[in-house]
Amino acid sequence: MDYDKERGMARNLKITVDYNRCVGNAMCEQYAPNTFGLNDERQSYVKDPAGDPEEMVIEAATNCPVSAIKVEDADTGEVLFVEENF
């Protein structure tokens, strides 16, 4: 969870990895190592959506070379990060 200044409480994140896009570059693991891992197929997966601060998760999504990560507020559905063609 990360702190939501407007609501005065921690924000729950919903993080989605598009396995049709993910090529296992592992950039997300470098930026948010407690949130992302690599599965047996060497594709990223979400091991703990609250593992790293929101800023680190957004940075990981931003740096995904194939735009395979979408980040939303799990409670409100607000999209916090997504590339156009997700």
PDB file of N, CA and C in Angstrom:
ATOM      1  N   MET A   1       0.838  -1.185   0.000  1.00  0.00           N
ATOM      2  CA  MET A   1       0.000   0.000   0.000  1.00  0.00           C
ATOM      3  C   MET A   1       0.875   1.238   0.000  1.00  0.00           C
ATOM      4  N   ASP A   2       0.366   2.282  -0.559  1.00  0.00           N
ATOM      5  CA  ASP A   2       1.079   3.540  -0.563  1.00  0.00           C
ATOM      6  C   ASP A   2       0.132   4.612  -0.045  1.00  0.00           C
ATOM      7  N   TYR A   3       0.673   5.659   0.498  1.00  0.00           N
ATOM      8  CA  TYR A   3      -0.113   6.703   1.127  1.00  0.00           C
ATOM      9  C   TYR A   3      -0.753   7.590   0.074  1.00  0.00           C
ATOM     10  N   ASP A   4      -2.049   7.756   0.132  1.00  0.00           N
ATOM     11  CA  ASP A   4      -2.809   8.626  -0.760  1.00  0.00           C
ATOM     12  C   ASP A   4      -3.045   9.930  -0.025  1.00  0.00           C
ATOM     13  N   LYS A   5      -2.368  10.993  -0.454  1.00  0.00           N
ATOM     14  CA  LYS A   5      -2.449  12.282   0.241  1.00  0.00           C
ATOM     15  C   LYS A   5      -3.863  12.841   0.276  1.00  0.00           C
ATOM     16  N   GLU A   6      -4.601  12.694  -0.830  1.00  0.00           N
ATOM     17  CA  GLU A   6      -5.942  13.265  -0.893  1.00  0.00           C
ATOM     18  C   GLU A   6      -6.907  12.579   0.073  1.00  0.00           C
ATOM     19  N   ARG A   7      -6.804  11.258   0.187  1.00  0.00           N
ATOM     20  CA  ARG A   7      -7.727  10.532   1.056  1.00  0.00           C
ATOM     21  C   ARG A   7      -7.164  10.334   2.458  1.00  0.00           C
ATOM     22  N   GLY A   8      -5.871  10.631   2.642  1.00  0.00           N
ATOM     23  CA  GLY A   8      -5.271  10.513   3.958  1.00  0.00           C
ATOM     24  C   GLY A   8      -5.092   9.084   4.421  1.00  0.00           C
ATOM     25  N   MET A   9      -4.931   8.164   3.475  1.00  0.00           N
ATOM     26  CA  MET A   9      -4.738   6.771   3.844  1.00  0.00           C
ATOM     27  C   MET A   9      -3.925   6.066   2.764  1.00  0.00           C
ATOM     28  N   ALA A  10      -3.502   4.863   3.071  1.00  0.00           N
ATOM     29  CA  ALA A  10      -2.721   4.095   2.112  1.00  0.00           C
ATOM     30  C   ALA A  10      -3.605   3.667   0.943  1.00  0.00           C
ATOM     31  N   ARG A  11      -3.013   3.657  -0.236  1.00  0.00           N
ATOM     32  CA  ARG A  11      -3.739   3.275  -1.450  1.00  0.00           C
ATOM     33  C   ARG A  11      -3.362   1.839  -1.818  1.00  0.00           C
ATOM     34  N   ASN A  12      -4.364   1.004  -2.093  1.00  0.00           N
ATOM     35  CA  ASN A  12      -4.141  -0.353  -2.562  1.00  0.00           C
ATOM     36  C   ASN A  12      -3.963  -0.321  -4.065  1.00  0.00           C
ATOM     37  N   LEU A  13      -2.928  -1.000  -4.553  1.00  0.00           N
ATOM     38  CA  LEU A  13      -2.681  -1.022  -5.985  1.00  0.00           C
ATOM     39  C   LEU A  13      -3.124  -2.334  -6.606  1.00  0.00           C
ATOM     40  N   LYS A  14      -3.686  -2.231  -7.802  1.00  0.00           N
ATOM     41  CA  LYS A  14      -3.956  -3.395  -8.636  1.00  0.00           C
ATOM     42  C   LYS A  14      -2.996  -3.294  -9.812  1.00  0.00           C
ATOM     43  N   ILE A  15      -2.129  -4.287  -9.934  1.00  0.00           N
ATOM     44  CA  ILE A  15      -1.103  -4.263 -10.970  1.00  0.00           C
ATOM     45  C   ILE A  15      -1.344  -5.446 -11.902  1.00  0.00           C
ATOM     46  N   THR A  16      -1.400  -5.173 -13.199  1.00  0.00           N
ATOM     47  CA  THR A  16      -1.640  -6.208 -14.195  1.00  0.00           C
ATOM     48  C   THR A  16      -0.458  -6.284 -15.143  1.00  0.00           C
ATOM     49  N   VAL A  17       0.007  -7.508 -15.399  1.00  0.00           N
ATOM     50  CA  VAL A  17       1.054  -7.743 -16.396  1.00  0.00           C
ATOM     51  C   VAL A  17       0.408  -8.456 -17.580  1.00  0.00           C
ATOM     52  N   ASP A  18       0.573  -7.902 -18.761  1.00  0.00           N
ATOM     53  CA  ASP A  18       0.052  -8.509 -19.988  1.00  0.00           C
ATOM     54  C   ASP A  18       1.071  -9.540 -20.471  1.00  0.00           C
ATOM     55  N   TYR A  19       0.755 -10.823 -20.268  1.00  0.00           N
ATOM     56  CA  TYR A  19       1.687 -11.891 -20.627  1.00  0.00           C
ATOM     57  C   TYR A  19       1.845 -12.055 -22.133  1.00  0.00           C
ATOM     58  N   ASN A  20       0.938 -11.502 -22.918  1.00  0.00           N
ATOM     59  CA  ASN A  20       1.100 -11.530 -24.373  1.00  0.00           C
ATOM     60  C   ASN A  20       2.160 -10.539 -24.834  1.00  0.00           C
ATOM     61  N   ARG A  21       2.481  -9.567 -23.987  1.00  0.00           N
ATOM     62  CA  ARG A  21       3.490  -8.564 -24.324  1.00  0.00           C
ATOM     63  C   ARG A  21       4.826  -8.797 -23.620  1.00  0.00           C
ATOM     64  N   CYS A  22       4.770  -9.282 -22.393  1.00  0.00           N
ATOM     65  CA  CYS A  22       5.977  -9.382 -21.570  1.00  0.00           C
ATOM     66  C   CYS A  22       7.014 -10.298 -22.228  1.00  0.00           C
ATOM     67  N   VAL A  23       8.246  -9.802 -22.321  1.00  0.00           N
ATOM     68  CA  VAL A  23       9.342 -10.571 -22.914  1.00  0.00           C
ATOM     69  C   VAL A  23      10.402 -10.939 -21.878  1.00  0.00           C
ATOM     70  N   GLY A  24      10.125 -10.681 -20.610  1.00  0.00           N
ATOM     71  CA  GLY A  24      11.042 -11.076 -19.545  1.00  0.00           C
ATOM     72  C   GLY A  24      12.297 -10.244 -19.441  1.00  0.00           C
ATOM     73  N   ASN A  25      12.214  -8.995 -19.821  1.00  0.00           N
ATOM     74  CA  ASN A  25      13.355  -8.088 -19.745  1.00  0.00           C
ATOM     75  C   ASN A  25      13.776  -7.823 -18.305  1.00  0.00           C
ATOM     76  N   ALA A  26      12.847  -7.946 -17.377  1.00  0.00           N
ATOM     77  CA  ALA A  26      13.057  -7.797 -15.931  1.00  0.00           C
ATOM     78  C   ALA A  26      13.376  -6.372 -15.485  1.00  0.00           C
ATOM     79  N   MET A  27      13.059  -5.381 -16.295  1.00  0.00           N
ATOM     80  CA  MET A  27      13.243  -3.993 -15.870  1.00  0.00           C
ATOM     81  C   MET A  27      12.373  -3.697 -14.653  1.00  0.00           C
ATOM     82  N   CYS A  28      11.171  -4.258 -14.622  1.00  0.00           N
ATOM     83  CA  CYS A  28      10.270  -4.012 -13.503  1.00  0.00           C
ATOM     84  C   CYS A  28      10.885  -4.515 -12.196  1.00  0.00           C
ATOM     85  N   GLU A  29      11.565  -5.631 -12.265  1.00  0.00           N
ATOM     86  CA  GLU A  29      12.228  -6.178 -11.074  1.00  0.00           C
ATOM     87  C   GLU A  29      13.333  -5.256 -10.573  1.00  0.00           C
ATOM     88  N   GLN A  30      13.996  -4.602 -11.490  1.00  0.00           N
ATOM     89  CA  GLN A  30      15.065  -3.678 -11.103  1.00  0.00           C
ATOM     90  C   GLN A  30      14.516  -2.445 -10.396  1.00  0.00           C
ATOM     91  N   TYR A  31      13.370  -1.950 -10.852  1.00  0.00           N
ATOM     92  CA  TYR A  31      12.787  -0.735 -10.284  1.00  0.00           C
ATOM     93  C   TYR A  31      11.923  -0.998  -9.048  1.00  0.00           C
ATOM     94  N   ALA A  32      11.284  -2.152  -8.983  1.00  0.00           N
ATOM     95  CA  ALA A  32      10.410  -2.486  -7.845  1.00  0.00           C
ATOM     96  C   ALA A  32      10.595  -3.972  -7.503  1.00  0.00           C
ATOM     97  N   PRO A  33      11.730  -4.326  -6.915  1.00  0.00           N
ATOM     98  CA  PRO A  33      12.086  -5.733  -6.694  1.00  0.00           C
ATOM     99  C   PRO A  33      11.202  -6.475  -5.700  1.00  0.00           C
ATOM    100  N   ASN A  34      10.531  -5.764  -4.834  1.00  0.00           N
ATOM    101  CA  ASN A  34       9.657  -6.420  -3.860  1.00  0.00           C
ATOM    102  C   ASN A  34       8.240  -6.620  -4.396  1.00  0.00           C
ATOM    103  N   THR A  35       7.956  -6.001  -5.534  1.00  0.00           N
ATOM    104  CA  THR A  35       6.638  -6.095  -6.153  1.00  0.00           C
ATOM    105  C   THR A  35       6.621  -7.112  -7.288  1.00  0.00           C
ATOM    106  N   PHE A  36       7.676  -7.117  -8.100  1.00  0.00           N
ATOM    107  CA  PHE A  36       7.724  -7.967  -9.289  1.00  0.00           C
ATOM    108  C   PHE A  36       8.745  -9.091  -9.148  1.00  0.00           C
ATOM    109  N   GLY A  37       8.453 -10.182  -9.822  1.00  0.00           N
ATOM    110  CA  GLY A  37       9.374 -11.303  -9.928  1.00  0.00           C
ATOM    111  C   GLY A  37       9.266 -11.877 -11.325  1.00  0.00           C
ATOM    112  N   LEU A  38      10.078 -12.890 -11.622  1.00  0.00           N
ATOM    113  CA  LEU A  38       9.996 -13.586 -12.902  1.00  0.00           C
ATOM    114  C   LEU A  38       9.501 -15.000 -12.653  1.00  0.00           C
ATOM    115  N   ASN A  39       8.555 -15.455 -13.469  1.00  0.00           N
ATOM    116  CA  ASN A  39       8.034 -16.806 -13.325  1.00  0.00           C
ATOM    117  C   ASN A  39       8.925 -17.798 -14.081  1.00  0.00           C
ATOM    118  N   ASP A  40       8.521 -19.048 -14.133  1.00  0.00           N
ATOM    119  CA  ASP A  40       9.316 -20.089 -14.787  1.00  0.00           C
ATOM    120  C   ASP A  40       9.485 -19.858 -16.287  1.00  0.00           C
ATOM    121  N   GLU A  41       8.576 -19.098 -16.886  1.00  0.00           N
ATOM    122  CA  GLU A  41       8.669 -18.765 -18.309  1.00  0.00           C
ATOM    123  C   GLU A  41       9.458 -17.476 -18.539  1.00  0.00           C
ATOM    124  N   ARG A  42      10.067 -16.975 -17.466  1.00  0.00           N
ATOM    125  CA  ARG A  42      10.832 -15.721 -17.476  1.00  0.00           C
ATOM    126  C   ARG A  42       9.971 -14.522 -17.876  1.00  0.00           C
ATOM    127  N   GLN A  43       8.731 -14.541 -17.431  1.00  0.00           N
ATOM    128  CA  GLN A  43       7.859 -13.388 -17.600  1.00  0.00           C
ATOM    129  C   GLN A  43       7.614 -12.787 -16.221  1.00  0.00           C
ATOM    130  N   SER A  44       7.424 -11.486 -16.195  1.00  0.00           N
ATOM    131  CA  SER A  44       7.180 -10.800 -14.934  1.00  0.00           C
ATOM    132  C   SER A  44       5.823 -11.176 -14.369  1.00  0.00           C
ATOM    133  N   TYR A  45       5.754 -11.233 -13.055  1.00  0.00           N
ATOM    134  CA  TYR A  45       4.483 -11.420 -12.362  1.00  0.00           C
ATOM    135  C   TYR A  45       4.502 -10.550 -11.118  1.00  0.00           C
ATOM    136  N   VAL A  46       3.330 -10.280 -10.589  1.00  0.00           N
ATOM    137  CA  VAL A  46       3.206  -9.462  -9.389  1.00  0.00           C
ATOM    138  C   VAL A  46       3.268 -10.393  -8.186  1.00  0.00           C
ATOM    139  N   LYS A  47       4.354 -10.286  -7.416  1.00  0.00           N
ATOM    140  CA  LYS A  47       4.473 -11.139  -6.234  1.00  0.00           C
ATOM    141  C   LYS A  47       3.898 -10.477  -4.997  1.00  0.00           C
ATOM    142  N   ASP A  48       3.872  -9.152  -4.967  1.00  0.00           N
ATOM    143  CA  ASP A  48       3.282  -8.429  -3.838  1.00  0.00           C
ATOM    144  C   ASP A  48       2.959  -7.002  -4.277  1.00  0.00           C
ATOM    145  N   PRO A  49       1.687  -6.685  -4.537  1.00  0.00           N
ATOM    146  CA  PRO A  49       1.340  -5.338  -5.004  1.00  0.00           C
ATOM    147  C   PRO A  49       1.697  -4.232  -4.010  1.00  0.00           C
ATOM    148  N   ALA A  50       1.881  -4.597  -2.749  1.00  0.00           N
ATOM    149  CA  ALA A  50       2.248  -3.610  -1.724  1.00  0.00           C
ATOM    150  C   ALA A  50       3.733  -3.701  -1.360  1.00  0.00           C
ATOM    151  N   GLY A  51       4.511  -4.402  -2.186  1.00  0.00           N
ATOM    152  CA  GLY A  51       5.912  -4.644  -1.863  1.00  0.00           C
ATOM    153  C   GLY A  51       6.805  -3.421  -1.922  1.00  0.00           C
ATOM    154  N   ASP A  52       6.475  -2.481  -2.781  1.00  0.00           N
ATOM    155  CA  ASP A  52       7.273  -1.261  -2.946  1.00  0.00           C
ATOM    156  C   ASP A  52       6.342  -0.057  -2.952  1.00  0.00           C
ATOM    157  N   PRO A  53       6.882   1.128  -2.681  1.00  0.00           N
ATOM    158  CA  PRO A  53       6.056   2.344  -2.748  1.00  0.00           C
ATOM    159  C   PRO A  53       5.486   2.548  -4.155  1.00  0.00           C
ATOM    160  N   GLU A  54       4.340   3.190  -4.208  1.00  0.00           N
ATOM    161  CA  GLU A  54       3.663   3.447  -5.468  1.00  0.00           C
ATOM    162  C   GLU A  54       4.583   4.077  -6.506  1.00  0.00           C
ATOM    163  N   GLU A  55       5.410   5.011  -6.100  1.00  0.00           N
ATOM    164  CA  GLU A  55       6.304   5.692  -7.030  1.00  0.00           C
ATOM    165  C   GLU A  55       7.243   4.706  -7.717  1.00  0.00           C
ATOM    166  N   MET A  56       7.725   3.711  -6.971  1.00  0.00           N
ATOM    167  CA  MET A  56       8.621   2.702  -7.547  1.00  0.00           C
ATOM    168  C   MET A  56       7.870   1.799  -8.524  1.00  0.00           C
ATOM    169  N   VAL A  57       6.628   1.470  -8.205  1.00  0.00           N
ATOM    170  CA  VAL A  57       5.815   0.633  -9.088  1.00  0.00           C
ATOM    171  C   VAL A  57       5.517   1.371 -10.391  1.00  0.00           C
ATOM    172  N   ILE A  58       5.178   2.654 -10.295  1.00  0.00           N
ATOM    173  CA  ILE A  58       4.922   3.469 -11.489  1.00  0.00           C
ATOM    174  C   ILE A  58       6.195   3.587 -12.317  1.00  0.00           C
ATOM    175  N   GLU A  59       7.316   3.772 -11.663  1.00  0.00           N
ATOM    176  CA  GLU A  59       8.609   3.848 -12.365  1.00  0.00           C
ATOM    177  C   GLU A  59       8.895   2.538 -13.102  1.00  0.00           C
ATOM    178  N   ALA A  60       8.589   1.413 -12.466  1.00  0.00           N
ATOM    179  CA  ALA A  60       8.771   0.105 -13.107  1.00  0.00           C
ATOM    180  C   ALA A  60       7.889  -0.011 -14.343  1.00  0.00           C
ATOM    181  N   ALA A  61       6.630   0.386 -14.215  1.00  0.00           N
ATOM    182  CA  ALA A  61       5.704   0.320 -15.345  1.00  0.00           C
ATOM    183  C   ALA A  61       6.152   1.246 -16.475  1.00  0.00           C
ATOM    184  N   THR A  62       6.591   2.418 -16.129  1.00  0.00           N
ATOM    185  CA  THR A  62       7.054   3.397 -17.110  1.00  0.00           C
ATOM    186  C   THR A  62       8.252   2.872 -17.892  1.00  0.00           C
ATOM    187  N   ASN A  63       9.109   2.124 -17.237  1.00  0.00           N
ATOM    188  CA  ASN A  63      10.333   1.645 -17.872  1.00  0.00           C
ATOM    189  C   ASN A  63      10.207   0.278 -18.523  1.00  0.00           C
ATOM    190  N   CYS A  64       9.025  -0.296 -18.524  1.00  0.00           N
ATOM    191  CA  CYS A  64       8.823  -1.568 -19.216  1.00  0.00           C
ATOM    192  C   CYS A  64       8.997  -1.326 -20.720  1.00  0.00           C
ATOM    193  N   PRO A  65       9.955  -1.998 -21.358  1.00  0.00           N
ATOM    194  CA  PRO A  65      10.228  -1.712 -22.771  1.00  0.00           C
ATOM    195  C   PRO A  65       9.120  -2.149 -23.729  1.00  0.00           C
ATOM    196  N   VAL A  66       8.197  -2.997 -23.268  1.00  0.00           N
ATOM    197  CA  VAL A  66       7.109  -3.448 -24.140  1.00  0.00           C
ATOM    198  C   VAL A  66       5.741  -3.023 -23.618  1.00  0.00           C
ATOM    199  N   SER A  67       5.720  -2.122 -22.645  1.00  0.00           N
ATOM    200  CA  SER A  67       4.478  -1.551 -22.102  1.00  0.00           C
ATOM    201  C   SER A  67       3.499  -2.626 -21.648  1.00  0.00           C
ATOM    202  N   ALA A  68       3.986  -3.570 -20.847  1.00  0.00           N
ATOM    203  CA  ALA A  68       3.171  -4.711 -20.427  1.00  0.00           C
ATOM    204  C   ALA A  68       2.543  -4.551 -19.045  1.00  0.00           C
ATOM    205  N   ILE A  69       2.697  -3.392 -18.410  1.00  0.00           N
ATOM    206  CA  ILE A  69       2.237  -3.229 -17.026  1.00  0.00           C
ATOM    207  C   ILE A  69       1.198  -2.119 -16.921  1.00  0.00           C
ATOM    208  N   LYS A  70       0.104  -2.437 -16.248  1.00  0.00           N
ATOM    209  CA  LYS A  70      -0.949  -1.464 -15.959  1.00  0.00           C
ATOM    210  C   LYS A  70      -1.071  -1.356 -14.446  1.00  0.00           C
ATOM    211  N   VAL A  71      -1.199  -0.130 -13.932  1.00  0.00           N
ATOM    212  CA  VAL A  71      -1.312   0.111 -12.492  1.00  0.00           C
ATOM    213  C   VAL A  71      -2.589   0.897 -12.236  1.00  0.00           C
ATOM    214  N   GLU A  72      -3.401   0.377 -11.309  1.00  0.00           N
ATOM    215  CA  GLU A  72      -4.669   1.022 -10.956  1.00  0.00           C
ATOM    216  C   GLU A  72      -4.796   1.113  -9.444  1.00  0.00           C
ATOM    217  N   ASP A  73      -5.656   2.022  -8.997  1.00  0.00           N
ATOM    218  CA  ASP A  73      -6.063   2.056  -7.601  1.00  0.00           C
ATOM    219  C   ASP A  73      -7.081   0.931  -7.446  1.00  0.00           C
ATOM    220  N   ALA A  74      -6.786  -0.050  -6.596  1.00  0.00           N
ATOM    221  CA  ALA A  74      -7.644  -1.226  -6.450  1.00  0.00           C
ATOM    222  C   ALA A  74      -9.017  -0.889  -5.873  1.00  0.00           C
ATOM    223  N   ASP A  75      -9.108   0.189  -5.126  1.00  0.00           N
ATOM    224  CA  ASP A  75     -10.370   0.551  -4.487  1.00  0.00           C
ATOM    225  C   ASP A  75     -11.277   1.395  -5.381  1.00  0.00           C
ATOM    226  N   THR A  76     -10.680   2.298  -6.152  1.00  0.00           N
ATOM    227  CA  THR A  76     -11.481   3.224  -6.955  1.00  0.00           C
ATOM    228  C   THR A  76     -11.510   2.873  -8.438  1.00  0.00           C
ATOM    229  N   GLY A  77     -10.552   2.058  -8.885  1.00  0.00           N
ATOM    230  CA  GLY A  77     -10.452   1.744 -10.305  1.00  0.00           C
ATOM    231  C   GLY A  77      -9.723   2.802 -11.106  1.00  0.00           C
ATOM    232  N   GLU A  78      -9.269   3.863 -10.455  1.00  0.00           N
ATOM    233  CA  GLU A  78      -8.536   4.917 -11.145  1.00  0.00           C
ATOM    234  C   GLU A  78      -7.262   4.341 -11.760  1.00  0.00           C
ATOM    235  N   VAL A  79      -7.070   4.600 -13.044  1.00  0.00           N
ATOM    236  CA  VAL A  79      -5.871   4.139 -13.725  1.00  0.00           C
ATOM    237  C   VAL A  79      -4.737   5.107 -13.392  1.00  0.00           C
ATOM    238  N   LEU A  80      -3.690   4.572 -12.785  1.00  0.00           N
ATOM    239  CA  LEU A  80      -2.542   5.385 -12.388  1.00  0.00           C
ATOM    240  C   LEU A  80      -1.455   5.386 -13.445  1.00  0.00           C
ATOM    241  N   PHE A  81      -1.357   4.263 -14.181  1.00  0.00           N
ATOM    242  CA  PHE A  81      -0.408   4.195 -15.302  1.00  0.00           C
ATOM    243  C   PHE A  81      -0.841   3.095 -16.255  1.00  0.00           C
ATOM    244  N   VAL A  82      -0.857   3.430 -17.535  1.00  0.00           N
ATOM    245  CA  VAL A  82      -1.072   2.459 -18.600  1.00  0.00           C
ATOM    246  C   VAL A  82      -0.579   3.096 -19.897  1.00  0.00           C
ATOM    247  N   GLU A  83       0.054   2.295 -20.727  1.00  0.00           N
ATOM    248  CA  GLU A  83       0.441   2.768 -22.060  1.00  0.00           C
ATOM    249  C   GLU A  83      -0.800   2.693 -22.952  1.00  0.00           C
ATOM    250  N   GLU A  84      -0.806   3.437 -24.011  1.00  0.00           N
ATOM    251  CA  GLU A  84      -1.973   3.550 -24.887  1.00  0.00           C
ATOM    252  C   GLU A  84      -2.508   2.213 -25.380  1.00  0.00           C
ATOM    253  N   ASN A  85      -1.656   1.329 -25.810  1.00  0.00           N
ATOM    254  CA  ASN A  85      -2.107   0.098 -26.449  1.00  0.00           C
ATOM    255  C   ASN A  85      -2.148  -1.096 -25.508  1.00  0.00           C
ATOM    256  N   PHE A  86      -2.317  -0.867 -24.221  1.00  0.00           N
ATOM    257  CA  PHE A  86      -2.324  -1.978 -23.262  1.00  0.00           C
ATOM    258  C   PHE A  86      -3.494  -2.885 -23.526  1.00  0.00           C
TER     259      PHE A  86
END
